[in-house]
Amino acid sequence: MKKSVLVVEDQSSQRKIMVEALQRAGYTIYQAADVQQAISLIQQQKPDVVVVDMHLPSGDGGDVIREGRKVAGSPIAIIAVSIDLAILHQNLTSIHPADAYLSKPFHPRELLKIVEELVGVSL
């Protein structure tokens, strides 16, 4: 069964790079550009992994992480992404920490490696 990934990124060029790399690797992809879209997709699709930028319109990545942690059923792995290392460090000690962290800029291979580790398969 194909694993699914929700990419939450407001910058379309960044989102496109992540989506294309994940699609080439065989993942089913969902996309969101803001917190509300992300929460709706988490509730409807229950992806295996959420890749979330911590700086989003109408809220922050922490809102998305909290919603991902509430979803019943199989746990959702969460990757927090930010250009701001202080934000990533703050998330490490928060109540709802992510499962992995990526600092921008990063190579798509880094993202694929983390996703594969979190879902436990190499596609």
N, C-alpha and C. Protein backbone atom coordinates (compact mmCIF):
# COMPACT_ATOMS: atom_id res chain seq x y z
N MET A 1 0.83 -1.19 0.00
CA MET A 1 0.00 0.00 0.00
C MET A 1 0.88 1.25 0.00
N LYS A 2 0.54 2.19 -0.86
CA LYS A 2 1.30 3.44 -0.95
C LYS A 2 1.16 4.25 0.32
N LYS A 3 2.25 4.79 0.79
CA LYS A 3 2.23 5.68 1.95
C LYS A 3 1.90 7.09 1.45
N SER A 4 1.28 7.88 2.33
CA SER A 4 0.89 9.23 1.93
C SER A 4 1.60 10.28 2.76
N VAL A 5 1.85 11.42 2.11
CA VAL A 5 2.56 12.53 2.73
C VAL A 5 1.78 13.82 2.45
N LEU A 6 1.54 14.58 3.51
CA LEU A 6 0.95 15.91 3.37
C LEU A 6 2.08 16.92 3.46
N VAL A 7 2.24 17.75 2.42
CA VAL A 7 3.25 18.80 2.39
C VAL A 7 2.55 20.12 2.67
N VAL A 8 2.93 20.77 3.77
CA VAL A 8 2.33 22.04 4.18
C VAL A 8 3.39 23.12 4.05
N GLU A 9 3.27 23.91 2.99
CA GLU A 9 4.27 24.94 2.67
C GLU A 9 3.56 26.06 1.90
N ASP A 10 3.70 27.30 2.37
CA ASP A 10 3.01 28.41 1.71
C ASP A 10 3.75 28.91 0.47
N GLN A 11 5.04 28.68 0.36
CA GLN A 11 5.78 29.11 -0.83
C GLN A 11 5.66 28.03 -1.90
N SER A 12 4.97 28.38 -2.99
CA SER A 12 4.66 27.38 -4.02
C SER A 12 5.91 26.75 -4.63
N SER A 13 7.00 27.52 -4.80
CA SER A 13 8.21 26.95 -5.39
C SER A 13 8.83 25.89 -4.47
N GLN A 14 8.85 26.16 -3.16
CA GLN A 14 9.36 25.18 -2.19
C GLN A 14 8.47 23.94 -2.14
N ARG A 15 7.16 24.17 -2.13
CA ARG A 15 6.20 23.06 -2.09
C ARG A 15 6.36 22.18 -3.31
N LYS A 16 6.54 22.79 -4.47
CA LYS A 16 6.67 22.03 -5.72
C LYS A 16 7.89 21.12 -5.68
N ILE A 17 9.02 21.62 -5.19
CA ILE A 17 10.24 20.81 -5.10
C ILE A 17 10.01 19.59 -4.21
N MET A 18 9.39 19.81 -3.05
CA MET A 18 9.15 18.69 -2.12
C MET A 18 8.17 17.69 -2.72
N VAL A 19 7.08 18.20 -3.30
CA VAL A 19 6.04 17.34 -3.88
C VAL A 19 6.62 16.49 -5.00
N GLU A 20 7.38 17.10 -5.90
CA GLU A 20 7.94 16.34 -7.03
C GLU A 20 8.88 15.24 -6.56
N ALA A 21 9.72 15.53 -5.58
CA ALA A 21 10.65 14.52 -5.07
C ALA A 21 9.89 13.36 -4.43
N LEU A 22 8.89 13.67 -3.64
CA LEU A 22 8.10 12.63 -2.97
C LEU A 22 7.28 11.82 -3.96
N GLN A 23 6.72 12.47 -4.97
CA GLN A 23 5.96 11.74 -5.99
C GLN A 23 6.86 10.79 -6.77
N ARG A 24 8.04 11.27 -7.15
CA ARG A 24 8.99 10.40 -7.88
C ARG A 24 9.36 9.18 -7.04
N ALA A 25 9.38 9.33 -5.72
CA ALA A 25 9.71 8.22 -4.83
C ALA A 25 8.52 7.28 -4.62
N GLY A 26 7.35 7.64 -5.13
CA GLY A 26 6.20 6.74 -5.07
C GLY A 26 5.17 7.03 -4.00
N TYR A 27 5.29 8.15 -3.32
CA TYR A 27 4.32 8.50 -2.27
C TYR A 27 3.08 9.16 -2.85
N THR A 28 1.95 8.94 -2.21
CA THR A 28 0.73 9.69 -2.51
C THR A 28 0.87 11.03 -1.80
N ILE A 29 0.61 12.12 -2.51
CA ILE A 29 0.86 13.44 -1.96
C ILE A 29 -0.42 14.25 -1.82
N TYR A 30 -0.52 14.93 -0.69
CA TYR A 30 -1.54 15.95 -0.46
C TYR A 30 -0.79 17.25 -0.21
N GLN A 31 -1.40 18.37 -0.57
CA GLN A 31 -0.72 19.66 -0.44
C GLN A 31 -1.61 20.67 0.25
N ALA A 32 -0.99 21.53 1.06
CA ALA A 32 -1.70 22.63 1.72
C ALA A 32 -0.77 23.84 1.75
N ALA A 33 -1.38 25.03 1.63
CA ALA A 33 -0.61 26.26 1.65
C ALA A 33 -0.81 27.04 2.94
N ASP A 34 -1.75 26.60 3.79
CA ASP A 34 -1.98 27.30 5.05
C ASP A 34 -2.49 26.34 6.11
N VAL A 35 -2.62 26.84 7.32
CA VAL A 35 -3.00 26.01 8.47
C VAL A 35 -4.37 25.37 8.28
N GLN A 36 -5.36 26.14 7.82
CA GLN A 36 -6.73 25.61 7.70
C GLN A 36 -6.79 24.46 6.69
N GLN A 37 -6.14 24.64 5.54
CA GLN A 37 -6.10 23.56 4.54
C GLN A 37 -5.42 22.33 5.13
N ALA A 38 -4.33 22.54 5.83
CA ALA A 38 -3.58 21.42 6.41
C ALA A 38 -4.43 20.64 7.41
N ILE A 39 -5.10 21.34 8.30
CA ILE A 39 -5.93 20.68 9.31
C ILE A 39 -7.06 19.90 8.66
N SER A 40 -7.67 20.49 7.65
CA SER A 40 -8.75 19.80 6.93
C SER A 40 -8.24 18.52 6.27
N LEU A 41 -7.09 18.59 5.63
CA LEU A 41 -6.53 17.40 4.98
C LEU A 41 -6.10 16.34 5.99
N ILE A 42 -5.56 16.76 7.11
CA ILE A 42 -5.18 15.79 8.15
C ILE A 42 -6.43 15.03 8.62
N GLN A 43 -7.51 15.75 8.86
CA GLN A 43 -8.73 15.12 9.34
C GLN A 43 -9.36 14.21 8.29
N GLN A 44 -9.33 14.63 7.04
CA GLN A 44 -9.97 13.85 5.96
C GLN A 44 -9.13 12.68 5.47
N GLN A 45 -7.83 12.94 5.24
CA GLN A 45 -6.98 11.95 4.57
C GLN A 45 -6.14 11.10 5.52
N LYS A 46 -5.88 11.59 6.73
CA LYS A 46 -5.04 10.89 7.69
C LYS A 46 -3.74 10.39 7.05
N PRO A 47 -2.90 11.34 6.60
CA PRO A 47 -1.65 10.94 5.94
C PRO A 47 -0.70 10.22 6.91
N ASP A 48 0.24 9.48 6.35
CA ASP A 48 1.23 8.78 7.17
C ASP A 48 2.27 9.76 7.72
N VAL A 49 2.59 10.79 6.92
CA VAL A 49 3.60 11.78 7.29
C VAL A 49 3.09 13.17 6.94
N VAL A 50 3.38 14.14 7.81
CA VAL A 50 3.12 15.55 7.52
C VAL A 50 4.46 16.28 7.55
N VAL A 51 4.76 16.98 6.46
CA VAL A 51 5.94 17.83 6.37
C VAL A 51 5.42 19.25 6.48
N VAL A 52 5.73 19.94 7.58
CA VAL A 52 5.11 21.24 7.83
C VAL A 52 6.12 22.35 8.06
N ASP A 53 5.96 23.42 7.27
CA ASP A 53 6.75 24.63 7.48
C ASP A 53 6.22 25.27 8.76
N MET A 54 7.11 25.73 9.61
CA MET A 54 6.68 26.30 10.89
C MET A 54 6.18 27.73 10.77
N HIS A 55 6.41 28.38 9.62
CA HIS A 55 5.93 29.75 9.39
C HIS A 55 4.87 29.71 8.30
N LEU A 56 3.60 29.81 8.68
CA LEU A 56 2.51 29.72 7.72
C LEU A 56 1.53 30.88 7.90
N PRO A 57 0.80 31.22 6.83
CA PRO A 57 -0.25 32.22 6.98
C PRO A 57 -1.35 31.68 7.91
N SER A 58 -2.00 32.54 8.59
CA SER A 58 -3.13 32.21 9.46
C SER A 58 -2.77 31.27 10.62
N GLY A 59 -1.53 31.28 11.07
CA GLY A 59 -1.14 30.43 12.19
C GLY A 59 0.29 29.96 12.01
N ASP A 60 0.66 28.95 12.77
CA ASP A 60 2.01 28.43 12.59
C ASP A 60 1.98 26.91 12.53
N GLY A 61 3.13 26.34 12.23
CA GLY A 61 3.23 24.90 12.11
C GLY A 61 2.86 24.16 13.37
N GLY A 62 3.01 24.81 14.52
CA GLY A 62 2.62 24.18 15.78
C GLY A 62 1.14 23.82 15.81
N ASP A 63 0.30 24.64 15.19
CA ASP A 63 -1.13 24.33 15.11
C ASP A 63 -1.35 23.04 14.31
N VAL A 64 -0.61 22.89 13.24
CA VAL A 64 -0.72 21.69 12.41
C VAL A 64 -0.22 20.47 13.17
N ILE A 65 0.89 20.62 13.89
CA ILE A 65 1.42 19.51 14.68
C ILE A 65 0.41 19.07 15.74
N ARG A 66 -0.17 20.03 16.45
CA ARG A 66 -1.17 19.69 17.48
C ARG A 66 -2.35 18.93 16.88
N GLU A 67 -2.81 19.35 15.72
CA GLU A 67 -3.94 18.66 15.08
C GLU A 67 -3.54 17.26 14.65
N GLY A 68 -2.33 17.12 14.12
CA GLY A 68 -1.85 15.80 13.71
C GLY A 68 -1.77 14.83 14.87
N ARG A 69 -1.44 15.34 16.04
CA ARG A 69 -1.35 14.49 17.24
C ARG A 69 -2.72 14.06 17.76
N LYS A 70 -3.77 14.79 17.38
CA LYS A 70 -5.12 14.47 17.85
C LYS A 70 -5.81 13.39 17.04
N VAL A 71 -5.35 13.14 15.82
CA VAL A 71 -6.03 12.24 14.91
C VAL A 71 -6.02 10.81 15.45
N ALA A 72 -7.19 10.22 15.50
CA ALA A 72 -7.33 8.84 15.99
C ALA A 72 -6.86 7.88 14.90
N GLY A 73 -6.51 6.70 15.29
CA GLY A 73 -6.04 5.70 14.34
C GLY A 73 -4.53 5.62 14.37
N SER A 74 -3.96 5.30 13.23
CA SER A 74 -2.51 5.17 13.19
C SER A 74 -1.83 6.52 13.40
N PRO A 75 -0.72 6.52 14.10
CA PRO A 75 -0.03 7.78 14.38
C PRO A 75 0.50 8.42 13.11
N ILE A 76 0.51 9.74 13.10
CA ILE A 76 1.03 10.50 11.97
C ILE A 76 2.43 10.99 12.34
N ALA A 77 3.41 10.68 11.50
CA ALA A 77 4.77 11.18 11.72
C ALA A 77 4.83 12.62 11.21
N ILE A 78 5.53 13.47 11.94
CA ILE A 78 5.58 14.88 11.59
C ILE A 78 7.02 15.35 11.46
N ILE A 79 7.28 16.05 10.34
CA ILE A 79 8.59 16.66 10.09
C ILE A 79 8.39 18.17 10.11
N ALA A 80 9.05 18.86 11.03
CA ALA A 80 8.99 20.32 11.12
C ALA A 80 10.11 20.90 10.26
N VAL A 81 9.76 21.93 9.47
CA VAL A 81 10.71 22.56 8.57
C VAL A 81 10.73 24.06 8.86
N SER A 82 11.94 24.64 8.93
CA SER A 82 12.04 26.08 9.13
C SER A 82 13.41 26.58 8.72
N ILE A 83 13.45 27.83 8.32
CA ILE A 83 14.73 28.48 8.05
C ILE A 83 15.30 29.01 9.37
N ASP A 84 14.44 29.12 10.37
CA ASP A 84 14.80 29.69 11.68
C ASP A 84 15.14 28.57 12.66
N LEU A 85 16.42 28.38 12.93
CA LEU A 85 16.84 27.30 13.83
C LEU A 85 16.29 27.47 15.24
N ALA A 86 16.05 28.70 15.67
CA ALA A 86 15.48 28.93 17.00
C ALA A 86 14.07 28.35 17.09
N ILE A 87 13.31 28.47 16.00
CA ILE A 87 11.95 27.89 15.98
C ILE A 87 12.03 26.38 16.08
N LEU A 88 12.94 25.76 15.35
CA LEU A 88 13.08 24.30 15.42
C LEU A 88 13.51 23.87 16.82
N HIS A 89 14.44 24.59 17.43
CA HIS A 89 14.88 24.25 18.78
C HIS A 89 13.74 24.40 19.77
N GLN A 90 12.95 25.45 19.63
CA GLN A 90 11.80 25.65 20.52
C GLN A 90 10.81 24.49 20.38
N ASN A 91 10.64 24.00 19.16
CA ASN A 91 9.72 22.89 18.94
C ASN A 91 10.21 21.62 19.62
N LEU A 92 11.52 21.45 19.73
CA LEU A 92 12.09 20.27 20.39
C LEU A 92 11.61 20.14 21.82
N THR A 93 11.39 21.26 22.47
CA THR A 93 11.00 21.24 23.89
C THR A 93 9.52 21.52 24.11
N SER A 94 8.75 21.62 23.03
CA SER A 94 7.33 21.94 23.18
C SER A 94 6.53 20.73 23.62
N ILE A 95 5.27 20.97 23.92
CA ILE A 95 4.36 19.90 24.35
C ILE A 95 4.07 18.95 23.20
N HIS A 96 4.04 19.47 21.99
CA HIS A 96 3.75 18.66 20.80
C HIS A 96 4.94 18.69 19.84
N PRO A 97 6.05 18.07 20.19
CA PRO A 97 7.22 18.12 19.31
C PRO A 97 7.01 17.29 18.04
N ALA A 98 7.76 17.65 17.02
CA ALA A 98 7.75 16.88 15.78
C ALA A 98 8.61 15.62 15.95
N ASP A 99 8.51 14.72 14.99
CA ASP A 99 9.30 13.49 15.02
C ASP A 99 10.67 13.69 14.39
N ALA A 100 10.77 14.70 13.51
CA ALA A 100 12.03 15.00 12.83
C ALA A 100 12.03 16.48 12.44
N TYR A 101 13.22 16.98 12.13
CA TYR A 101 13.39 18.40 11.83
C TYR A 101 14.28 18.57 10.62
N LEU A 102 13.93 19.56 9.78
CA LEU A 102 14.75 19.92 8.64
C LEU A 102 14.94 21.42 8.63
N SER A 103 16.16 21.86 8.47
CA SER A 103 16.45 23.28 8.39
C SER A 103 16.59 23.68 6.93
N LYS A 104 15.88 24.74 6.53
CA LYS A 104 15.99 25.24 5.16
C LYS A 104 17.29 26.01 5.02
N PRO A 105 17.91 25.96 3.87
CA PRO A 105 17.57 25.14 2.71
C PRO A 105 18.05 23.70 2.90
N PHE A 106 17.37 22.78 2.26
CA PHE A 106 17.77 21.37 2.32
C PHE A 106 17.61 20.76 0.94
N HIS A 107 18.31 19.66 0.72
CA HIS A 107 18.22 18.94 -0.55
C HIS A 107 17.04 17.96 -0.45
N PRO A 108 16.29 17.77 -1.53
CA PRO A 108 15.17 16.83 -1.50
C PRO A 108 15.55 15.43 -1.02
N ARG A 109 16.79 15.02 -1.26
CA ARG A 109 17.24 13.69 -0.77
C ARG A 109 17.18 13.61 0.74
N GLU A 110 17.48 14.73 1.43
CA GLU A 110 17.40 14.75 2.89
C GLU A 110 15.96 14.49 3.34
N LEU A 111 15.02 15.14 2.67
CA LEU A 111 13.61 14.94 2.99
C LEU A 111 13.20 13.49 2.76
N LEU A 112 13.57 12.94 1.61
CA LEU A 112 13.21 11.55 1.30
C LEU A 112 13.78 10.58 2.33
N LYS A 113 15.01 10.81 2.75
CA LYS A 113 15.64 9.93 3.73
C LYS A 113 14.84 9.94 5.05
N ILE A 114 14.46 11.10 5.50
CA ILE A 114 13.71 11.21 6.76
C ILE A 114 12.33 10.57 6.62
N VAL A 115 11.64 10.83 5.50
CA VAL A 115 10.32 10.24 5.30
C VAL A 115 10.42 8.73 5.30
N GLU A 116 11.39 8.18 4.57
CA GLU A 116 11.57 6.73 4.53
C GLU A 116 11.84 6.15 5.91
N GLU A 117 12.65 6.84 6.71
CA GLU A 117 12.92 6.37 8.08
C GLU A 117 11.65 6.38 8.92
N LEU A 118 10.83 7.41 8.76
CA LEU A 118 9.62 7.53 9.58
C LEU A 118 8.53 6.53 9.21
N VAL A 119 8.40 6.21 7.92
CA VAL A 119 7.37 5.25 7.53
C VAL A 119 7.89 3.82 7.54
N GLY A 120 9.21 3.66 7.70
CA GLY A 120 9.76 2.33 7.84
C GLY A 120 9.86 1.53 6.57
N VAL A 121 9.77 2.21 5.41
CA VAL A 121 9.90 1.51 4.14
C VAL A 121 10.74 2.36 3.21
N SER A 122 11.35 1.70 2.27
CA SER A 122 12.03 2.36 1.18
C SER A 122 11.29 1.99 -0.09
N LEU A 123 10.70 2.98 -0.74
CA LEU A 123 9.88 2.69 -1.93
C LEU A 123 10.73 2.59 -3.18
